[in-house]
Amino acid sequence: DLVKSGEQSGALDRIFDRIAIYKEKAEALKSKIKKAMFY
């Protein structure tokens, strides 16, 4: 959906930057939770 909105607005580079930040934050959060549970 985010990629589609980027295609429609003509700002695909900015949308991909937002998705990248979102994915990186989500993976970092997941890693922290796994760290809390694994030990």
All heavy atoms as atom14 arrays in JSON, in Angstrom:
{
  "sequence": "DLVKSGEQSGALDRIFDRIAIYKEKAEALKSKIKKAMFY",
  "atom14_mask": [
    [1, 1, 1, 1, 1, 1, 1, 1, 0, 0, 0, 0, 0, 0],
    [1, 1, 1, 1, 1, 1, 1, 1, 0, 0, 0, 0, 0, 0],
    [1, 1, 1, 1, 1, 1, 1, 0, 0, 0, 0, 0, 0, 0],
    [1, 1, 1, 1, 1, 1, 1, 1, 1, 0, 0, 0, 0, 0],
    [1, 1, 1, 1, 1, 1, 0, 0, 0, 0, 0, 0, 0, 0],
    [1, 1, 1, 1, 0, 0, 0, 0, 0, 0, 0, 0, 0, 0],
    [1, 1, 1, 1, 1, 1, 1, 1, 1, 0, 0, 0, 0, 0],
    [1, 1, 1, 1, 1, 1, 1, 1, 1, 0, 0, 0, 0, 0],
    [1, 1, 1, 1, 1, 1, 0, 0, 0, 0, 0, 0, 0, 0],
    [1, 1, 1, 1, 0, 0, 0, 0, 0, 0, 0, 0, 0, 0],
    [1, 1, 1, 1, 1, 0, 0, 0, 0, 0, 0, 0, 0, 0],
    [1, 1, 1, 1, 1, 1, 1, 1, 0, 0, 0, 0, 0, 0],
    [1, 1, 1, 1, 1, 1, 1, 1, 0, 0, 0, 0, 0, 0],
    [1, 1, 1, 1, 1, 1, 1, 1, 1, 1, 1, 0, 0, 0],
    [1, 1, 1, 1, 1, 1, 1, 1, 0, 0, 0, 0, 0, 0],
    [1, 1, 1, 1, 1, 1, 1, 1, 1, 1, 1, 0, 0, 0],
    [1, 1, 1, 1, 1, 1, 1, 1, 0, 0, 0, 0, 0, 0],
    [1, 1, 1, 1, 1, 1, 1, 1, 1, 1, 1, 0, 0, 0],
    [1, 1, 1, 1, 1, 1, 1, 1, 0, 0, 0, 0, 0, 0],
    [1, 1, 1, 1, 1, 0, 0, 0, 0, 0, 0, 0, 0, 0],
    [1, 1, 1, 1, 1, 1, 1, 1, 0, 0, 0, 0, 0, 0],
    [1, 1, 1, 1, 1, 1, 1, 1, 1, 1, 1, 1, 0, 0],
    [1, 1, 1, 1, 1, 1, 1, 1, 1, 0, 0, 0, 0, 0],
    [1, 1, 1, 1, 1, 1, 1, 1, 1, 0, 0, 0, 0, 0],
    [1, 1, 1, 1, 1, 1, 1, 1, 1, 0, 0, 0, 0, 0],
    [1, 1, 1, 1, 1, 0, 0, 0, 0, 0, 0, 0, 0, 0],
    [1, 1, 1, 1, 1, 1, 1, 1, 1, 0, 0, 0, 0, 0],
    [1, 1, 1, 1, 1, 0, 0, 0, 0, 0, 0, 0, 0, 0],
    [1, 1, 1, 1, 1, 1, 1, 1, 0, 0, 0, 0, 0, 0],
    [1, 1, 1, 1, 1, 1, 1, 1, 1, 0, 0, 0, 0, 0],
    [1, 1, 1, 1, 1, 1, 0, 0, 0, 0, 0, 0, 0, 0],
    [1, 1, 1, 1, 1, 1, 1, 1, 1, 0, 0, 0, 0, 0],
    [1, 1, 1, 1, 1, 1, 1, 1, 0, 0, 0, 0, 0, 0],
    [1, 1, 1, 1, 1, 1, 1, 1, 1, 0, 0, 0, 0, 0],
    [1, 1, 1, 1, 1, 1, 1, 1, 1, 0, 0, 0, 0, 0],
    [1, 1, 1, 1, 1, 0, 0, 0, 0, 0, 0, 0, 0, 0],
    [1, 1, 1, 1, 1, 1, 1, 1, 0, 0, 0, 0, 0, 0],
    [1, 1, 1, 1, 1, 1, 1, 1, 1, 1, 1, 0, 0, 0],
    [1, 1, 1, 1, 1, 1, 1, 1, 1, 1, 1, 1, 0, 0]
  ],
  "atom14_positions": [
    [[0.83, -1.21, 0.0], [0.0, 0.0, 0.0], [0.87, 1.26, 0.0], [0.56, 2.24, -0.69], [-0.93, 0.01, 1.22], [-2.05, -1.02, 1.08], [-2.31, -1.48, -0.04], [-2.66, -1.36, 2.12], [0.0, 0.0, 0.0], [0.0, 0.0, 0.0], [0.0, 0.0, 0.0], [0.0, 0.0, 0.0], [0.0, 0.0, 0.0], [0.0, 0.0, 0.0]],
    [[1.95, 1.23, 0.78], [2.84, 2.39, 0.84], [3.54, 2.6, -0.51], [3.67, 3.74, -0.98], [3.88, 2.2, 1.94], [3.36, 2.26, 3.38], [4.45, 1.9, 4.37], [2.82, 3.65, 3.69], [0.0, 0.0, 0.0], [0.0, 0.0, 0.0], [0.0, 0.0, 0.0], [0.0, 0.0, 0.0], [0.0, 0.0, 0.0], [0.0, 0.0, 0.0]],
    [[3.98, 1.51, -1.14], [4.62, 1.63, -2.46], [3.62, 2.18, -3.48], [3.97, 3.03, -4.31], [5.16, 0.25, -2.91], [5.62, 0.31, -4.37], [6.33, -0.18, -2.03], [0.0, 0.0, 0.0], [0.0, 0.0, 0.0], [0.0, 0.0, 0.0], [0.0, 0.0, 0.0], [0.0, 0.0, 0.0], [0.0, 0.0, 0.0], [0.0, 0.0, 0.0]],
    [[2.37, 1.73, -3.4], [1.33, 2.21, -4.32], [1.1, 3.7, -4.15], [0.99, 4.45, -5.14], [0.03, 1.45, -4.08], [-1.06, 1.79, -5.09], [-2.31, 0.96, -4.86], [-3.4, 1.3, -5.89], [-4.62, 0.49, -5.67], [0.0, 0.0, 0.0], [0.0, 0.0, 0.0], [0.0, 0.0, 0.0], [0.0, 0.0, 0.0], [0.0, 0.0, 0.0]],
    [[1.06, 4.16, -2.89], [0.88, 5.6, -2.66], [2.07, 6.4, -3.18], [1.91, 7.51, -3.69], [0.68, 5.87, -1.16], [1.87, 5.63, -0.43], [0.0, 0.0, 0.0], [0.0, 0.0, 0.0], [0.0, 0.0, 0.0], [0.0, 0.0, 0.0], [0.0, 0.0, 0.0], [0.0, 0.0, 0.0], [0.0, 0.0, 0.0], [0.0, 0.0, 0.0]],
    [[3.27, 5.82, -3.09], [4.46, 6.47, -3.64], [4.43, 6.56, -5.14], [4.84, 7.56, -5.74], [0.0, 0.0, 0.0], [0.0, 0.0, 0.0], [0.0, 0.0, 0.0], [0.0, 0.0, 0.0], [0.0, 0.0, 0.0], [0.0, 0.0, 0.0], [0.0, 0.0, 0.0], [0.0, 0.0, 0.0], [0.0, 0.0, 0.0], [0.0, 0.0, 0.0]],
    [[3.92, 5.51, -5.79], [3.79, 5.51, -7.25], [2.78, 6.56, -7.71], [3.0, 7.27, -8.69], [3.37, 4.13, -7.74], [4.47, 3.07, -7.63], [3.98, 1.68, -8.01], [2.81, 1.36, -7.7], [4.75, 0.91, -8.59], [0.0, 0.0, 0.0], [0.0, 0.0, 0.0], [0.0, 0.0, 0.0], [0.0, 0.0, 0.0], [0.0, 0.0, 0.0]],
    [[1.68, 6.67, -6.96], [0.63, 7.61, -7.34], [1.06, 9.06, -7.12], [0.68, 9.95, -7.88], [-0.65, 7.32, -6.55], [-1.32, 6.01, -6.94], [-2.46, 5.63, -6.03], [-2.62, 6.18, -4.93], [-3.28, 4.69, -6.46], [0.0, 0.0, 0.0], [0.0, 0.0, 0.0], [0.0, 0.0, 0.0], [0.0, 0.0, 0.0], [0.0, 0.0, 0.0]],
    [[1.86, 9.29, -6.07], [2.28, 10.66, -5.76], [3.56, 11.06, -6.49], [3.94, 12.24, -6.48], [2.51, 10.79, -4.24], [3.57, 9.94, -3.82], [0.0, 0.0, 0.0], [0.0, 0.0, 0.0], [0.0, 0.0, 0.0], [0.0, 0.0, 0.0], [0.0, 0.0, 0.0], [0.0, 0.0, 0.0], [0.0, 0.0, 0.0], [0.0, 0.0, 0.0]],
    [[4.23, 10.08, -7.1], [5.48, 10.38, -7.8], [6.65, 10.61, -6.87], [7.66, 11.21, -7.26], [0.0, 0.0, 0.0], [0.0, 0.0, 0.0], [0.0, 0.0, 0.0], [0.0, 0.0, 0.0], [0.0, 0.0, 0.0], [0.0, 0.0, 0.0], [0.0, 0.0, 0.0], [0.0, 0.0, 0.0], [0.0, 0.0, 0.0], [0.0, 0.0, 0.0]],
    [[6.53, 10.15, -5.64], [7.61, 10.34, -4.65], [8.05, 8.97, -4.11], [8.1, 8.74, -2.91], [7.13, 11.23, -3.51], [0.0, 0.0, 0.0], [0.0, 0.0, 0.0], [0.0, 0.0, 0.0], [0.0, 0.0, 0.0], [0.0, 0.0, 0.0], [0.0, 0.0, 0.0], [0.0, 0.0, 0.0], [0.0, 0.0, 0.0], [0.0, 0.0, 0.0]],
    [[8.37, 8.07, -5.02], [8.72, 6.7, -4.64], [9.99, 6.66, -3.79], [10.11, 5.83, -2.89], [8.89, 5.84, -5.89], [8.81, 4.32, -5.71], [7.51, 3.9, -5.07], [8.99, 3.62, -7.05], [0.0, 0.0, 0.0], [0.0, 0.0, 0.0], [0.0, 0.0, 0.0], [0.0, 0.0, 0.0], [0.0, 0.0, 0.0], [0.0, 0.0, 0.0]],
    [[10.94, 7.56, -4.07], [12.18, 7.57, -3.29], [11.93, 7.91, -1.83], [12.48, 7.28, -0.92], [13.19, 8.55, -3.91], [12.62, 9.95, -4.07], [11.37, 10.09, -4.09], [13.42, 10.91, -4.19], [0.0, 0.0, 0.0], [0.0, 0.0, 0.0], [0.0, 0.0, 0.0], [0.0, 0.0, 0.0], [0.0, 0.0, 0.0], [0.0, 0.0, 0.0]],
    [[11.06, 8.92, -1.58], [10.74, 9.31, -0.2], [9.95, 8.21, 0.51], [10.15, 7.95, 1.7], [9.96, 10.62, -0.18], [10.78, 11.83, -0.58], [10.21, 13.12, 0.0], [8.83, 13.33, -0.44], [8.5, 13.98, -1.56], [9.44, 14.46, -2.34], [7.24, 14.15, -1.88], [0.0, 0.0, 0.0], [0.0, 0.0, 0.0], [0.0, 0.0, 0.0]],
    [[9.04, 7.57, -0.23], [8.24, 6.49, 0.36], [9.14, 5.32, 0.75], [9.0, 4.74, 1.83], [7.13, 6.04, -0.61], [6.07, 7.13, -0.76], [6.48, 4.74, -0.12], [5.32, 7.46, 0.52], [0.0, 0.0, 0.0], [0.0, 0.0, 0.0], [0.0, 0.0, 0.0], [0.0, 0.0, 0.0], [0.0, 0.0, 0.0], [0.0, 0.0, 0.0]],
    [[10.06, 4.96, -0.14], [10.98, 3.85, 0.18], [11.86, 4.2, 1.37], [12.21, 3.33, 2.17], [11.84, 3.5, -1.04], [11.3, 2.32, -1.81], [10.67, 2.5, -3.02], [11.42, 1.03, -1.31], [10.16, 1.42, -3.74], [10.92, -0.05, -2.0], [10.29, 0.13, -3.22], [0.0, 0.0, 0.0], [0.0, 0.0, 0.0], [0.0, 0.0, 0.0]],
    [[12.22, 5.48, 1.49], [13.0, 5.91, 2.66], [12.18, 5.73, 3.94], [12.69, 5.25, 4.96], [13.42, 7.37, 2.49], [14.36, 7.82, 3.61], [15.39, 7.15, 3.8], [14.03, 8.8, 4.3], [0.0, 0.0, 0.0], [0.0, 0.0, 0.0], [0.0, 0.0, 0.0], [0.0, 0.0, 0.0], [0.0, 0.0, 0.0], [0.0, 0.0, 0.0]],
    [[10.88, 6.08, 3.89], [10.0, 5.9, 5.04], [9.82, 4.42, 5.37], [9.85, 4.02, 6.53], [8.62, 6.53, 4.77], [8.6, 8.03, 4.86], [7.18, 8.57, 4.74], [7.14, 9.99, 4.99], [7.09, 10.55, 6.19], [7.09, 9.78, 7.26], [7.05, 11.86, 6.33], [0.0, 0.0, 0.0], [0.0, 0.0, 0.0], [0.0, 0.0, 0.0]],
    [[9.63, 3.6, 4.33], [9.47, 2.16, 4.56], [10.74, 1.57, 5.16], [10.69, 0.73, 6.06], [9.12, 1.43, 3.24], [7.81, 1.93, 2.65], [9.01, -0.08, 3.48], [7.5, 1.4, 1.26], [0.0, 0.0, 0.0], [0.0, 0.0, 0.0], [0.0, 0.0, 0.0], [0.0, 0.0, 0.0], [0.0, 0.0, 0.0], [0.0, 0.0, 0.0]],
    [[11.89, 2.03, 4.67], [13.17, 1.53, 5.18], [13.33, 1.87, 6.67], [13.73, 1.01, 7.47], [14.33, 2.14, 4.38], [0.0, 0.0, 0.0], [0.0, 0.0, 0.0], [0.0, 0.0, 0.0], [0.0, 0.0, 0.0], [0.0, 0.0, 0.0], [0.0, 0.0, 0.0], [0.0, 0.0, 0.0], [0.0, 0.0, 0.0], [0.0, 0.0, 0.0]],
    [[12.99, 3.1, 7.04], [13.05, 3.5, 8.45], [12.11, 2.64, 9.28], [12.47, 2.14, 10.35], [12.7, 4.99, 8.61], [13.79, 5.86, 7.97], [12.54, 5.36, 10.08], [13.42, 7.33, 7.87], [0.0, 0.0, 0.0], [0.0, 0.0, 0.0], [0.0, 0.0, 0.0], [0.0, 0.0, 0.0], [0.0, 0.0, 0.0], [0.0, 0.0, 0.0]],
    [[10.89, 2.44, 8.76], [9.89, 1.63, 9.47], [10.38, 0.19, 9.66], [10.3, -0.36, 10.76], [8.58, 1.64, 8.67], [7.56, 0.63, 9.16], [6.88, 0.82, 10.35], [7.31, -0.53, 8.43], [5.95, -0.11, 10.8], [6.4, -1.47, 8.87], [5.71, -1.25, 10.05], [4.82, -2.19, 10.5], [0.0, 0.0, 0.0], [0.0, 0.0, 0.0]],
    [[10.91, -0.4, 8.59], [11.39, -1.78, 8.65], [12.57, -1.91, 9.61], [12.67, -2.87, 10.38], [11.8, -2.26, 7.25], [10.63, -2.63, 6.35], [10.04, -3.96, 6.79], [8.99, -4.48, 5.86], [8.39, -5.73, 6.35], [0.0, 0.0, 0.0], [0.0, 0.0, 0.0], [0.0, 0.0, 0.0], [0.0, 0.0, 0.0], [0.0, 0.0, 0.0]],
    [[13.49, -0.95, 9.53], [14.68, -0.99, 10.4], [14.28, -0.86, 11.87], [14.81, -1.58, 12.73], [15.64, 0.13, 10.0], [16.37, -0.13, 8.69], [16.96, 1.12, 8.07], [16.76, 2.23, 8.63], [17.62, 1.0, 7.02], [0.0, 0.0, 0.0], [0.0, 0.0, 0.0], [0.0, 0.0, 0.0], [0.0, 0.0, 0.0], [0.0, 0.0, 0.0]],
    [[13.34, 0.04, 12.16], [12.87, 0.2, 13.54], [12.15, -1.06, 14.02], [12.32, -1.49, 15.16], [11.94, 1.41, 13.63], [12.59, 2.76, 13.35], [13.44, 3.22, 14.49], [13.95, 4.64, 14.27], [14.82, 5.1, 15.38], [0.0, 0.0, 0.0], [0.0, 0.0, 0.0], [0.0, 0.0, 0.0], [0.0, 0.0, 0.0], [0.0, 0.0, 0.0]],
    [[11.32, -1.64, 13.12], [10.57, -2.85, 13.49], [11.51, -4.01, 13.78], [11.32, -4.75, 14.76], [9.6, -3.22, 12.36], [0.0, 0.0, 0.0], [0.0, 0.0, 0.0], [0.0, 0.0, 0.0], [0.0, 0.0, 0.0], [0.0, 0.0, 0.0], [0.0, 0.0, 0.0], [0.0, 0.0, 0.0], [0.0, 0.0, 0.0], [0.0, 0.0, 0.0]],
    [[12.55, -4.17, 12.95], [13.51, -5.26, 13.17], [14.33, -5.03, 14.43], [14.64, -5.98, 15.16], [14.45, -5.37, 11.95], [13.8, -6.0, 10.74], [13.22, -7.36, 11.02], [13.95, -8.24, 11.51], [12.01, -7.55, 10.78], [0.0, 0.0, 0.0], [0.0, 0.0, 0.0], [0.0, 0.0, 0.0], [0.0, 0.0, 0.0], [0.0, 0.0, 0.0]],
    [[14.68, -3.77, 14.7], [15.43, -3.46, 15.92], [14.59, -3.78, 17.15], [15.08, -4.33, 18.14], [15.84, -1.98, 15.92], [0.0, 0.0, 0.0], [0.0, 0.0, 0.0], [0.0, 0.0, 0.0], [0.0, 0.0, 0.0], [0.0, 0.0, 0.0], [0.0, 0.0, 0.0], [0.0, 0.0, 0.0], [0.0, 0.0, 0.0], [0.0, 0.0, 0.0]],
    [[13.28, -3.43, 17.09], [12.37, -3.71, 18.2], [12.22, -5.21, 18.42], [12.26, -5.7, 19.55], [11.02, -3.07, 17.92], [10.01, -2.98, 19.07], [10.57, -2.16, 20.21], [8.7, -2.38, 18.58], [0.0, 0.0, 0.0], [0.0, 0.0, 0.0], [0.0, 0.0, 0.0], [0.0, 0.0, 0.0], [0.0, 0.0, 0.0], [0.0, 0.0, 0.0]],
    [[12.07, -5.94, 17.3], [11.93, -7.39, 17.39], [13.2, -8.01, 18.0], [13.13, -8.95, 18.8], [11.69, -7.96, 15.99], [11.2, -9.4, 15.97], [11.15, -9.95, 14.55], [10.16, -9.2, 13.69], [10.1, -9.77, 12.31], [0.0, 0.0, 0.0], [0.0, 0.0, 0.0], [0.0, 0.0, 0.0], [0.0, 0.0, 0.0], [0.0, 0.0, 0.0]],
    [[14.35, -7.5, 17.6], [15.62, -8.01, 18.11], [15.74, -7.78, 19.61], [16.23, -8.66, 20.35], [16.78, -7.33, 17.37], [18.01, -7.71, 17.9], [0.0, 0.0, 0.0], [0.0, 0.0, 0.0], [0.0, 0.0, 0.0], [0.0, 0.0, 0.0], [0.0, 0.0, 0.0], [0.0, 0.0, 0.0], [0.0, 0.0, 0.0], [0.0, 0.0, 0.0]],
    [[15.29, -6.61, 20.07], [15.35, -6.32, 21.51], [14.47, -7.26, 22.31], [14.85, -7.74, 23.38], [14.92, -4.87, 21.75], [15.91, -3.83, 21.25], [15.3, -2.45, 21.25], [16.17, -1.44, 20.51], [15.49, -0.14, 20.33], [0.0, 0.0, 0.0], [0.0, 0.0, 0.0], [0.0, 0.0, 0.0], [0.0, 0.0, 0.0], [0.0, 0.0, 0.0]],
    [[13.27, -7.54, 21.79], [12.35, -8.45, 22.49], [12.91, -9.86, 22.53], [12.85, -10.55, 23.55], [10.96, -8.42, 21.82], [10.34, -7.03, 21.97], [10.04, -9.47, 22.43], [9.08, -6.82, 21.17], [0.0, 0.0, 0.0], [0.0, 0.0, 0.0], [0.0, 0.0, 0.0], [0.0, 0.0, 0.0], [0.0, 0.0, 0.0], [0.0, 0.0, 0.0]],
    [[13.5, -10.3, 21.4], [14.12, -11.63, 21.37], [15.27, -11.72, 22.36], [15.46, -12.74, 23.03], [14.63, -11.93, 19.95], [13.53, -12.34, 18.98], [14.13, -12.69, 17.63], [13.04, -13.12, 16.65], [13.61, -13.42, 15.3], [0.0, 0.0, 0.0], [0.0, 0.0, 0.0], [0.0, 0.0, 0.0], [0.0, 0.0, 0.0], [0.0, 0.0, 0.0]],
    [[16.03, -10.62, 22.46], [17.14, -10.58, 23.4], [16.63, -10.73, 24.83], [17.24, -11.42, 25.65], [17.89, -9.25, 23.25], [19.06, -9.07, 24.2], [19.68, -7.69, 24.03], [20.75, -7.44, 25.07], [21.3, -6.06, 24.98], [0.0, 0.0, 0.0], [0.0, 0.0, 0.0], [0.0, 0.0, 0.0], [0.0, 0.0, 0.0], [0.0, 0.0, 0.0]],
    [[15.5, -10.09, 25.12], [14.93, -10.16, 26.47], [14.46, -11.57, 26.8], [14.5, -12.0, 27.96], [13.77, -9.18, 26.6], [0.0, 0.0, 0.0], [0.0, 0.0, 0.0], [0.0, 0.0, 0.0], [0.0, 0.0, 0.0], [0.0, 0.0, 0.0], [0.0, 0.0, 0.0], [0.0, 0.0, 0.0], [0.0, 0.0, 0.0], [0.0, 0.0, 0.0]],
    [[13.99, -12.31, 25.78], [13.42, -13.64, 26.0], [14.47, -14.76, 25.92], [14.36, -15.77, 26.62], [12.33, -13.93, 24.96], [11.18, -12.94, 24.98], [10.26, -13.04, 26.51], [8.9, -11.95, 26.14], [0.0, 0.0, 0.0], [0.0, 0.0, 0.0], [0.0, 0.0, 0.0], [0.0, 0.0, 0.0], [0.0, 0.0, 0.0], [0.0, 0.0, 0.0]],
    [[15.47, -14.58, 25.06], [16.38, -15.69, 24.76], [17.25, -16.07, 25.95], [17.39, -17.26, 26.26], [17.27, -15.31, 23.57], [18.3, -16.36, 23.24], [17.93, -17.51, 22.56], [19.62, -16.2, 23.62], [18.87, -18.49, 22.26], [20.56, -17.18, 23.33], [20.18, -18.31, 22.65], [0.0, 0.0, 0.0], [0.0, 0.0, 0.0], [0.0, 0.0, 0.0]],
    [[17.82, -15.07, 26.62], [18.78, -15.37, 27.69], [18.17, -16.21, 28.81], [18.71, -17.27, 29.15], [19.37, -14.07, 28.23], [20.4, -14.28, 29.32], [21.65, -14.78, 29.03], [20.09, -14.01, 30.65], [22.59, -14.98, 30.03], [21.02, -14.21, 31.66], [22.27, -14.7, 31.34], [23.18, -14.91, 32.33], [0.0, 0.0, 0.0], [0.0, 0.0, 0.0]]
  ]
}
